[in-house]
Full PDB file with SEQRES, HELIX, SHEET, SSBOND, CRYST1, ORIGX, SCALE, CONECT and MASTER records, all heavy atoms in Angstrom:
SEQRES   1 A   34  ARG ALA ALA MET ASN GLU ILE PHE ASP PHE GLY ARG PRO          
SEQRES   2 A   34  ARG SER ILE VAL LEU VAL SER LEU ILE GLU ARG SER GLY          
SEQRES   3 A   34  ARG GLN LEU PRO ILE GLN PRO ASP                              
HELIX    1 AA1 ALA A    2  PHE A   10  1                                   9    
CRYST1    1.000    1.000    1.000  90.00  90.00  90.00 P 1           1          
ORIGX1      1.000000  0.000000  0.000000        0.00000                         
ORIGX2      0.000000  1.000000  0.000000        0.00000                         
ORIGX3      0.000000  0.000000  1.000000        0.00000                         
SCALE1      1.000000  0.000000  0.000000        0.00000                         
SCALE2      0.000000  1.000000  0.000000        0.00000                         
SCALE3      0.000000  0.000000  1.000000        0.00000                         
ATOM      1  N   ARG A   1      12.573 -47.430  54.941  1.00  0.00           N  
ATOM      2  CA  ARG A   1      12.495 -47.229  53.494  1.00  0.00           C  
ATOM      3  C   ARG A   1      11.047 -46.894  53.076  1.00  0.00           C  
ATOM      4  O   ARG A   1      10.712 -45.957  52.334  1.00  0.00           O  
ATOM      5  CB  ARG A   1      13.063 -48.246  52.601  1.00  0.00           C  
ATOM      6  CG  ARG A   1      13.100 -47.796  51.203  1.00  0.00           C  
ATOM      7  CD  ARG A   1      12.932 -49.040  50.246  1.00  0.00           C  
ATOM      8  NE  ARG A   1      11.837 -49.966  50.513  1.00  0.00           N  
ATOM      9  CZ  ARG A   1      10.602 -49.815  50.205  1.00  0.00           C  
ATOM     10  NH1 ARG A   1      10.244 -48.791  49.430  1.00  0.00           N  
ATOM     11  NH2 ARG A   1       9.699 -50.682  50.435  1.00  0.00           N  
ATOM     12  N   ALA A   2      10.239 -47.790  53.528  1.00  0.00           N  
ATOM     13  CA  ALA A   2       8.780 -47.665  53.213  1.00  0.00           C  
ATOM     14  C   ALA A   2       8.168 -46.387  53.853  1.00  0.00           C  
ATOM     15  O   ALA A   2       7.375 -45.629  53.150  1.00  0.00           O  
ATOM     16  CB  ALA A   2       7.900 -48.793  53.735  1.00  0.00           C  
ATOM     17  N   ALA A   3       8.624 -45.970  55.058  1.00  0.00           N  
ATOM     18  CA  ALA A   3       8.098 -44.787  55.775  1.00  0.00           C  
ATOM     19  C   ALA A   3       8.648 -43.502  54.915  1.00  0.00           C  
ATOM     20  O   ALA A   3       7.813 -42.581  54.717  1.00  0.00           O  
ATOM     21  CB  ALA A   3       8.649 -44.762  57.129  1.00  0.00           C  
ATOM     22  N   MET A   4       9.870 -43.514  54.464  1.00  0.00           N  
ATOM     23  CA  MET A   4      10.289 -42.403  53.682  1.00  0.00           C  
ATOM     24  C   MET A   4       9.552 -42.224  52.431  1.00  0.00           C  
ATOM     25  O   MET A   4       9.253 -41.164  51.953  1.00  0.00           O  
ATOM     26  CB  MET A   4      11.821 -42.517  53.428  1.00  0.00           C  
ATOM     27  CG  MET A   4      12.653 -42.394  54.725  1.00  0.00           C  
ATOM     28  SD  MET A   4      14.403 -42.092  54.554  1.00  0.00           S  
ATOM     29  CE  MET A   4      14.873 -43.721  53.755  1.00  0.00           C  
ATOM     30  N   ASN A   5       9.289 -43.460  51.688  1.00  0.00           N  
ATOM     31  CA  ASN A   5       8.528 -43.304  50.543  1.00  0.00           C  
ATOM     32  C   ASN A   5       7.144 -42.702  50.766  1.00  0.00           C  
ATOM     33  O   ASN A   5       6.644 -41.822  49.936  1.00  0.00           O  
ATOM     34  CB  ASN A   5       8.201 -44.791  49.958  1.00  0.00           C  
ATOM     35  CG  ASN A   5       9.371 -45.297  49.285  1.00  0.00           C  
ATOM     36  OD1 ASN A   5      10.421 -44.596  48.959  1.00  0.00           O  
ATOM     37  ND2 ASN A   5       9.416 -46.622  48.883  1.00  0.00           N  
ATOM     38  N   GLU A   6       6.509 -43.090  51.919  1.00  0.00           N  
ATOM     39  CA  GLU A   6       5.240 -42.443  52.238  1.00  0.00           C  
ATOM     40  C   GLU A   6       5.353 -40.985  52.550  1.00  0.00           C  
ATOM     41  O   GLU A   6       4.531 -40.066  52.074  1.00  0.00           O  
ATOM     42  CB  GLU A   6       4.553 -43.180  53.363  1.00  0.00           C  
ATOM     43  CG  GLU A   6       3.095 -42.659  53.562  1.00  0.00           C  
ATOM     44  CD  GLU A   6       2.237 -43.509  54.450  1.00  0.00           C  
ATOM     45  OE1 GLU A   6       2.706 -44.543  54.974  1.00  0.00           O  
ATOM     46  OE2 GLU A   6       1.074 -43.007  54.725  1.00  0.00           O  
ATOM     47  N   ILE A   7       6.339 -40.603  53.322  1.00  0.00           N  
ATOM     48  CA  ILE A   7       6.629 -39.204  53.659  1.00  0.00           C  
ATOM     49  C   ILE A   7       6.711 -38.417  52.317  1.00  0.00           C  
ATOM     50  O   ILE A   7       6.240 -37.252  52.195  1.00  0.00           O  
ATOM     51  CB  ILE A   7       7.782 -38.987  54.530  1.00  0.00           C  
ATOM     52  CG1 ILE A   7       7.535 -39.572  55.958  1.00  0.00           C  
ATOM     53  CG2 ILE A   7       8.321 -37.558  54.616  1.00  0.00           C  
ATOM     54  CD1 ILE A   7       8.785 -39.683  56.810  1.00  0.00           C  
ATOM     55  N   PHE A   8       7.459 -38.895  51.350  1.00  0.00           N  
ATOM     56  CA  PHE A   8       7.610 -38.143  50.027  1.00  0.00           C  
ATOM     57  C   PHE A   8       6.316 -38.065  49.292  1.00  0.00           C  
ATOM     58  O   PHE A   8       6.161 -37.252  48.402  1.00  0.00           O  
ATOM     59  CB  PHE A   8       8.726 -38.737  49.249  1.00  0.00           C  
ATOM     60  CG  PHE A   8      10.069 -38.273  49.657  1.00  0.00           C  
ATOM     61  CD1 PHE A   8      10.808 -38.751  50.713  1.00  0.00           C  
ATOM     62  CD2 PHE A   8      10.566 -37.156  48.980  1.00  0.00           C  
ATOM     63  CE1 PHE A   8      12.086 -38.235  51.049  1.00  0.00           C  
ATOM     64  CE2 PHE A   8      11.921 -36.667  49.284  1.00  0.00           C  
ATOM     65  CZ  PHE A   8      12.605 -37.264  50.354  1.00  0.00           C  
ATOM     66  N   ASP A   9       5.307 -38.902  49.587  1.00  0.00           N  
ATOM     67  CA  ASP A   9       4.055 -38.709  49.033  1.00  0.00           C  
ATOM     68  C   ASP A   9       3.332 -37.523  49.548  1.00  0.00           C  
ATOM     69  O   ASP A   9       2.433 -36.906  48.908  1.00  0.00           O  
ATOM     70  CB  ASP A   9       3.140 -39.952  49.219  1.00  0.00           C  
ATOM     71  CG  ASP A   9       3.465 -41.014  48.269  1.00  0.00           C  
ATOM     72  OD1 ASP A   9       4.329 -40.782  47.228  1.00  0.00           O  
ATOM     73  OD2 ASP A   9       3.056 -42.146  48.379  1.00  0.00           O  
ATOM     74  N   PHE A  10       3.684 -37.140  50.781  1.00  0.00           N  
ATOM     75  CA  PHE A  10       3.133 -35.904  51.470  1.00  0.00           C  
ATOM     76  C   PHE A  10       3.861 -34.654  50.997  1.00  0.00           C  
ATOM     77  O   PHE A  10       3.371 -33.576  51.138  1.00  0.00           O  
ATOM     78  CB  PHE A  10       3.182 -36.043  52.915  1.00  0.00           C  
ATOM     79  CG  PHE A  10       2.064 -36.880  53.539  1.00  0.00           C  
ATOM     80  CD1 PHE A  10       2.285 -38.296  53.653  1.00  0.00           C  
ATOM     81  CD2 PHE A  10       0.826 -36.408  53.914  1.00  0.00           C  
ATOM     82  CE1 PHE A  10       1.266 -39.119  54.232  1.00  0.00           C  
ATOM     83  CE2 PHE A  10      -0.131 -37.240  54.455  1.00  0.00           C  
ATOM     84  CZ  PHE A  10       0.060 -38.530  54.572  1.00  0.00           C  
ATOM     85  N   GLY A  11       5.111 -34.754  50.554  1.00  0.00           N  
ATOM     86  CA  GLY A  11       5.908 -33.522  50.208  1.00  0.00           C  
ATOM     87  C   GLY A  11       7.409 -33.889  50.193  1.00  0.00           C  
ATOM     88  O   GLY A  11       7.723 -35.049  50.528  1.00  0.00           O  
ATOM     89  N   ARG A  12       8.239 -32.871  50.083  1.00  0.00           N  
ATOM     90  CA  ARG A  12       9.678 -33.159  50.013  1.00  0.00           C  
ATOM     91  C   ARG A  12      10.258 -32.517  51.178  1.00  0.00           C  
ATOM     92  O   ARG A  12      10.407 -31.182  51.216  1.00  0.00           O  
ATOM     93  CB  ARG A  12      10.274 -32.512  48.671  1.00  0.00           C  
ATOM     94  CG  ARG A  12      11.749 -32.868  48.550  1.00  0.00           C  
ATOM     95  CD  ARG A  12      12.265 -32.300  47.273  1.00  0.00           C  
ATOM     96  NE  ARG A  12      13.636 -32.692  47.028  1.00  0.00           N  
ATOM     97  CZ  ARG A  12      14.684 -32.119  47.614  1.00  0.00           C  
ATOM     98  NH1 ARG A  12      14.494 -31.290  48.530  1.00  0.00           N  
ATOM     99  NH2 ARG A  12      15.940 -32.566  47.357  1.00  0.00           N  
ATOM    100  N   PRO A  13      10.661 -33.227  52.219  1.00  0.00           N  
ATOM    101  CA  PRO A  13      11.289 -32.736  53.382  1.00  0.00           C  
ATOM    102  C   PRO A  13      12.719 -32.149  53.033  1.00  0.00           C  
ATOM    103  O   PRO A  13      13.381 -32.665  52.060  1.00  0.00           O  
ATOM    104  CB  PRO A  13      11.337 -33.798  54.317  1.00  0.00           C  
ATOM    105  CG  PRO A  13      11.326 -35.066  53.438  1.00  0.00           C  
ATOM    106  CD  PRO A  13      10.534 -34.706  52.333  1.00  0.00           C  
ATOM    107  N   ARG A  14      13.212 -31.246  53.863  1.00  0.00           N  
ATOM    108  CA  ARG A  14      14.581 -30.753  53.768  1.00  0.00           C  
ATOM    109  C   ARG A  14      15.518 -31.865  54.263  1.00  0.00           C  
ATOM    110  O   ARG A  14      16.537 -32.128  53.671  1.00  0.00           O  
ATOM    111  CB  ARG A  14      14.788 -29.447  54.553  1.00  0.00           C  
ATOM    112  CG  ARG A  14      16.202 -28.994  54.595  1.00  0.00           C  
ATOM    113  CD  ARG A  14      16.388 -27.734  55.410  1.00  0.00           C  
ATOM    114  NE  ARG A  14      15.121 -27.267  55.930  1.00  0.00           N  
ATOM    115  CZ  ARG A  14      14.819 -26.153  56.345  1.00  0.00           C  
ATOM    116  NH1 ARG A  14      15.731 -25.225  56.417  1.00  0.00           N  
ATOM    117  NH2 ARG A  14      13.642 -25.702  56.787  1.00  0.00           N  
ATOM    118  N   SER A  15      15.144 -32.431  55.326  1.00  0.00           N  
ATOM    119  CA  SER A  15      16.017 -33.472  55.929  1.00  0.00           C  
ATOM    120  C   SER A  15      15.139 -34.497  56.758  1.00  0.00           C  
ATOM    121  O   SER A  15      14.086 -34.099  57.222  1.00  0.00           O  
ATOM    122  CB  SER A  15      17.101 -32.915  56.798  1.00  0.00           C  
ATOM    123  OG  SER A  15      16.576 -32.382  58.048  1.00  0.00           O  
ATOM    124  N   ILE A  16      15.651 -35.658  57.013  1.00  0.00           N  
ATOM    125  CA  ILE A  16      15.046 -36.593  57.826  1.00  0.00           C  
ATOM    126  C   ILE A  16      16.064 -37.114  58.834  1.00  0.00           C  
ATOM    127  O   ILE A  16      17.178 -37.622  58.363  1.00  0.00           O  
ATOM    128  CB  ILE A  16      14.427 -37.874  57.016  1.00  0.00           C  
ATOM    129  CG1 ILE A  16      13.282 -37.341  56.111  1.00  0.00           C  
ATOM    130  CG2 ILE A  16      13.889 -38.904  57.951  1.00  0.00           C  
ATOM    131  CD1 ILE A  16      12.814 -38.432  55.216  1.00  0.00           C  
ATOM    132  N   VAL A  17      15.794 -37.016  60.093  1.00  0.00           N  
ATOM    133  CA  VAL A  17      16.576 -37.516  61.150  1.00  0.00           C  
ATOM    134  C   VAL A  17      15.935 -38.809  61.654  1.00  0.00           C  
ATOM    135  O   VAL A  17      14.791 -38.759  62.062  1.00  0.00           O  
ATOM    136  CB  VAL A  17      16.751 -36.436  62.303  1.00  0.00           C  
ATOM    137  CG1 VAL A  17      17.533 -37.140  63.489  1.00  0.00           C  
ATOM    138  CG2 VAL A  17      17.425 -35.254  61.846  1.00  0.00           C  
ATOM    139  N   LEU A  18      16.675 -39.962  61.681  1.00  0.00           N  
ATOM    140  CA  LEU A  18      16.037 -41.253  62.020  1.00  0.00           C  
ATOM    141  C   LEU A  18      16.414 -41.555  63.474  1.00  0.00           C  
ATOM    142  O   LEU A  18      17.575 -41.498  63.902  1.00  0.00           O  
ATOM    143  CB  LEU A  18      16.547 -42.277  61.074  1.00  0.00           C  
ATOM    144  CG  LEU A  18      16.058 -43.721  61.370  1.00  0.00           C  
ATOM    145  CD1 LEU A  18      14.467 -43.795  61.354  1.00  0.00           C  
ATOM    146  CD2 LEU A  18      16.624 -44.755  60.329  1.00  0.00           C  
ATOM    147  N   VAL A  19      15.393 -41.887  64.244  1.00  0.00           N  
ATOM    148  CA  VAL A  19      15.517 -42.249  65.617  1.00  0.00           C  
ATOM    149  C   VAL A  19      14.880 -43.618  65.844  1.00  0.00           C  
ATOM    150  O   VAL A  19      13.776 -43.764  65.317  1.00  0.00           O  
ATOM    151  CB  VAL A  19      14.798 -41.245  66.577  1.00  0.00           C  
ATOM    152  CG1 VAL A  19      14.943 -41.599  67.940  1.00  0.00           C  
ATOM    153  CG2 VAL A  19      15.374 -39.835  66.355  1.00  0.00           C  
ATOM    154  N   SER A  20      15.662 -44.458  66.589  1.00  0.00           N  
ATOM    155  CA  SER A  20      15.098 -45.914  66.795  1.00  0.00           C  
ATOM    156  C   SER A  20      15.437 -46.202  68.194  1.00  0.00           C  
ATOM    157  O   SER A  20      16.501 -45.982  68.754  1.00  0.00           O  
ATOM    158  CB  SER A  20      15.805 -46.844  65.895  1.00  0.00           C  
ATOM    159  OG  SER A  20      15.264 -48.097  65.977  1.00  0.00           O  
ATOM    160  N   LEU A  21      14.364 -46.759  68.871  1.00  0.00           N  
ATOM    161  CA  LEU A  21      14.527 -47.144  70.302  1.00  0.00           C  
ATOM    162  C   LEU A  21      15.605 -48.335  70.264  1.00  0.00           C  
ATOM    163  O   LEU A  21      16.460 -48.336  71.164  1.00  0.00           O  
ATOM    164  CB  LEU A  21      13.240 -47.720  70.830  1.00  0.00           C  
ATOM    165  CG  LEU A  21      13.249 -48.160  72.235  1.00  0.00           C  
ATOM    166  CD1 LEU A  21      13.446 -47.062  73.300  1.00  0.00           C  
ATOM    167  CD2 LEU A  21      11.885 -48.947  72.606  1.00  0.00           C  
ATOM    168  N   ILE A  22      15.441 -49.288  69.383  1.00  0.00           N  
ATOM    169  CA  ILE A  22      16.406 -50.497  69.378  1.00  0.00           C  
ATOM    170  C   ILE A  22      16.994 -50.563  67.962  1.00  0.00           C  
ATOM    171  O   ILE A  22      16.272 -50.427  66.944  1.00  0.00           O  
ATOM    172  CB  ILE A  22      15.667 -51.745  69.648  1.00  0.00           C  
ATOM    173  CG1 ILE A  22      14.902 -51.746  71.022  1.00  0.00           C  
ATOM    174  CG2 ILE A  22      16.480 -52.988  69.524  1.00  0.00           C  
ATOM    175  CD1 ILE A  22      15.908 -51.653  72.192  1.00  0.00           C  
ATOM    176  N   GLU A  23      18.345 -50.843  67.913  1.00  0.00           N  
ATOM    177  CA  GLU A  23      18.894 -51.069  66.664  1.00  0.00           C  
ATOM    178  C   GLU A  23      19.559 -52.478  66.863  1.00  0.00           C  
ATOM    179  O   GLU A  23      20.138 -52.792  67.771  1.00  0.00           O  
ATOM    180  CB  GLU A  23      20.046 -50.067  66.423  1.00  0.00           C  
ATOM    181  CG  GLU A  23      20.808 -50.384  65.045  1.00  0.00           C  
ATOM    182  CD  GLU A  23      21.933 -49.452  64.697  1.00  0.00           C  
ATOM    183  OE1 GLU A  23      22.448 -48.846  65.701  1.00  0.00           O  
ATOM    184  OE2 GLU A  23      22.334 -49.431  63.575  1.00  0.00           O  
ATOM    185  N   ARG A  24      19.301 -53.410  65.892  1.00  0.00           N  
ATOM    186  CA  ARG A  24      19.768 -54.604  65.864  1.00  0.00           C  
ATOM    187  C   ARG A  24      20.499 -54.986  64.574  1.00  0.00           C  
ATOM    188  O   ARG A  24      20.266 -54.359  63.626  1.00  0.00           O  
ATOM    189  CB  ARG A  24      18.764 -55.726  66.306  1.00  0.00           C  
ATOM    190  CG  ARG A  24      17.636 -55.869  65.349  1.00  0.00           C  
ATOM    191  CD  ARG A  24      16.904 -57.197  65.439  1.00  0.00           C  
ATOM    192  NE  ARG A  24      17.847 -58.215  65.199  1.00  0.00           N  
ATOM    193  CZ  ARG A  24      17.793 -59.452  65.651  1.00  0.00           C  
ATOM    194  NH1 ARG A  24      16.764 -59.813  66.406  1.00  0.00           N  
ATOM    195  NH2 ARG A  24      18.725 -60.375  65.403  1.00  0.00           N  
ATOM    196  N   SER A  25      21.223 -56.014  64.521  1.00  0.00           N  
ATOM    197  CA  SER A  25      21.904 -56.437  63.323  1.00  0.00           C  
ATOM    198  C   SER A  25      20.931 -56.995  62.308  1.00  0.00           C  
ATOM    199  O   SER A  25      19.796 -57.326  62.615  1.00  0.00           O  
ATOM    200  CB  SER A  25      22.985 -57.430  63.636  1.00  0.00           C  
ATOM    201  OG  SER A  25      22.370 -58.604  64.129  1.00  0.00           O  
ATOM    202  N   GLY A  26      21.294 -57.079  61.079  1.00  0.00           N  
ATOM    203  CA  GLY A  26      20.561 -57.669  60.023  1.00  0.00           C  
ATOM    204  C   GLY A  26      20.098 -56.664  58.957  1.00  0.00           C  
ATOM    205  O   GLY A  26      19.164 -56.936  58.275  1.00  0.00           O  
ATOM    206  N   ARG A  27      20.890 -55.567  58.716  1.00  0.00           N  
ATOM    207  CA  ARG A  27      20.528 -54.580  57.858  1.00  0.00           C  
ATOM    208  C   ARG A  27      20.577 -55.145  56.371  1.00  0.00           C  
ATOM    209  O   ARG A  27      21.590 -55.720  56.041  1.00  0.00           O  
ATOM    210  CB  ARG A  27      21.418 -53.420  57.975  1.00  0.00           C  
ATOM    211  CG  ARG A  27      20.858 -52.124  57.459  1.00  0.00           C  
ATOM    212  CD  ARG A  27      19.915 -51.398  58.380  1.00  0.00           C  
ATOM    213  NE  ARG A  27      20.536 -50.795  59.444  1.00  0.00           N  
ATOM    214  CZ  ARG A  27      20.477 -51.298  60.719  1.00  0.00           C  
ATOM    215  NH1 ARG A  27      19.669 -52.260  61.045  1.00  0.00           N  
ATOM    216  NH2 ARG A  27      21.096 -50.628  61.758  1.00  0.00           N  
ATOM    217  N   GLN A  28      19.613 -54.832  55.700  1.00  0.00           N  
ATOM    218  CA  GLN A  28      19.462 -55.284  54.218  1.00  0.00           C  
ATOM    219  C   GLN A  28      19.641 -54.054  53.280  1.00  0.00           C  
ATOM    220  O   GLN A  28      19.888 -54.191  52.176  1.00  0.00           O  
ATOM    221  CB  GLN A  28      18.260 -56.095  53.938  1.00  0.00           C  
ATOM    222  CG  GLN A  28      18.148 -57.317  54.719  1.00  0.00           C  
ATOM    223  CD  GLN A  28      16.812 -57.998  54.583  1.00  0.00           C  
ATOM    224  OE1 GLN A  28      15.865 -57.409  53.966  1.00  0.00           O  
ATOM    225  NE2 GLN A  28      16.658 -59.202  55.115  1.00  0.00           N  
ATOM    226  N   LEU A  29      19.279 -52.805  53.894  1.00  0.00           N  
ATOM    227  CA  LEU A  29      19.453 -51.558  53.131  1.00  0.00           C  
ATOM    228  C   LEU A  29      20.441 -50.718  53.900  1.00  0.00           C  
ATOM    229  O   LEU A  29      20.531 -50.752  55.079  1.00  0.00           O  
ATOM    230  CB  LEU A  29      18.018 -50.938  52.992  1.00  0.00           C  
ATOM    231  CG  LEU A  29      17.030 -51.860  52.283  1.00  0.00           C  
ATOM    232  CD1 LEU A  29      15.687 -51.137  52.344  1.00  0.00           C  
ATOM    233  CD2 LEU A  29      17.334 -52.067  50.854  1.00  0.00           C  
ATOM    234  N   PRO A  30      21.062 -49.758  53.156  1.00  0.00           N  
ATOM    235  CA  PRO A  30      22.007 -48.807  53.799  1.00  0.00           C  
ATOM    236  C   PRO A  30      21.291 -47.714  54.530  1.00  0.00           C  
ATOM    237  O   PRO A  30      21.453 -46.528  54.172  1.00  0.00           O  
ATOM    238  CB  PRO A  30      22.812 -48.271  52.694  1.00  0.00           C  
ATOM    239  CG  PRO A  30      21.961 -48.336  51.459  1.00  0.00           C  
ATOM    240  CD  PRO A  30      21.095 -49.538  51.667  1.00  0.00           C  
ATOM    241  N   ILE A  31      20.452 -47.999  55.501  1.00  0.00           N  
ATOM    242  CA  ILE A  31      19.691 -47.082  56.339  1.00  0.00           C  
ATOM    243  C   ILE A  31      20.196 -47.138  57.798  1.00  0.00           C  
ATOM    244  O   ILE A  31      20.171 -48.295  58.314  1.00  0.00           O  
ATOM    245  CB  ILE A  31      18.287 -47.248  56.176  1.00  0.00           C  
ATOM    246  CG1 ILE A  31      17.788 -47.027  54.771  1.00  0.00           C  
ATOM    247  CG2 ILE A  31      17.518 -46.466  57.212  1.00  0.00           C  
ATOM    248  CD1 ILE A  31      16.379 -47.463  54.447  1.00  0.00           C  
ATOM    249  N   GLN A  32      20.697 -46.127  58.339  1.00  0.00           N  
ATOM    250  CA  GLN A  32      21.261 -46.045  59.696  1.00  0.00           C  
ATOM    251  C   GLN A  32      20.559 -44.953  60.550  1.00  0.00           C  
ATOM    252  O   GLN A  32      20.471 -43.866  60.125  1.00  0.00           O  
ATOM    253  CB  GLN A  32      22.776 -45.816  59.650  1.00  0.00           C  
ATOM    254  CG  GLN A  32      23.614 -46.769  58.832  1.00  0.00           C  
ATOM    255  CD  GLN A  32      23.490 -48.157  59.214  1.00  0.00           C  
ATOM    256  OE1 GLN A  32      23.326 -48.435  60.463  1.00  0.00           O  
ATOM    257  NE2 GLN A  32      23.400 -49.163  58.318  1.00  0.00           N  
ATOM    258  N   PRO A  33      20.156 -45.287  61.672  1.00  0.00           N  
ATOM    259  CA  PRO A  33      19.619 -44.248  62.670  1.00  0.00           C  
ATOM    260  C   PRO A  33      20.633 -43.293  63.099  1.00  0.00           C  
ATOM    261  O   PRO A  33      21.806 -43.625  63.219  1.00  0.00           O  
ATOM    262  CB  PRO A  33      19.068 -45.077  63.740  1.00  0.00           C  
ATOM    263  CG  PRO A  33      19.777 -46.391  63.800  1.00  0.00           C  
ATOM    264  CD  PRO A  33      20.233 -46.642  62.389  1.00  0.00           C  
ATOM    265  N   ASP A  34      20.140 -42.025  63.244  1.00  0.00           N  
ATOM    266  CA  ASP A  34      21.021 -40.962  63.770  1.00  0.00           C  
ATOM    267  C   ASP A  34      21.010 -40.970  65.361  1.00  0.00           C  
ATOM    268  O   ASP A  34      22.097 -40.603  65.904  1.00  0.00           O  
ATOM    269  CB  ASP A  34      20.498 -39.598  63.351  1.00  0.00           C  
ATOM    270  CG  ASP A  34      20.504 -39.427  61.860  1.00  0.00           C  
ATOM    271  OD1 ASP A  34      21.624 -39.445  61.350  1.00  0.00           O  
ATOM    272  OD2 ASP A  34      19.407 -39.421  61.285  1.00  0.00           O  
TER     273      ASP A  34                                                      
MASTER        0    0    0    1    0    0    0    6  272    1    0    3          
END                                                                             
């Protein structure tokens, strides 16, 4: 979420594809890697 906020300070992307090496439980926000 913080990274997306900063990206939007640089401009408005068409889309963001999220990639994560490791996904673990404990999500507090509805953000899921692609």
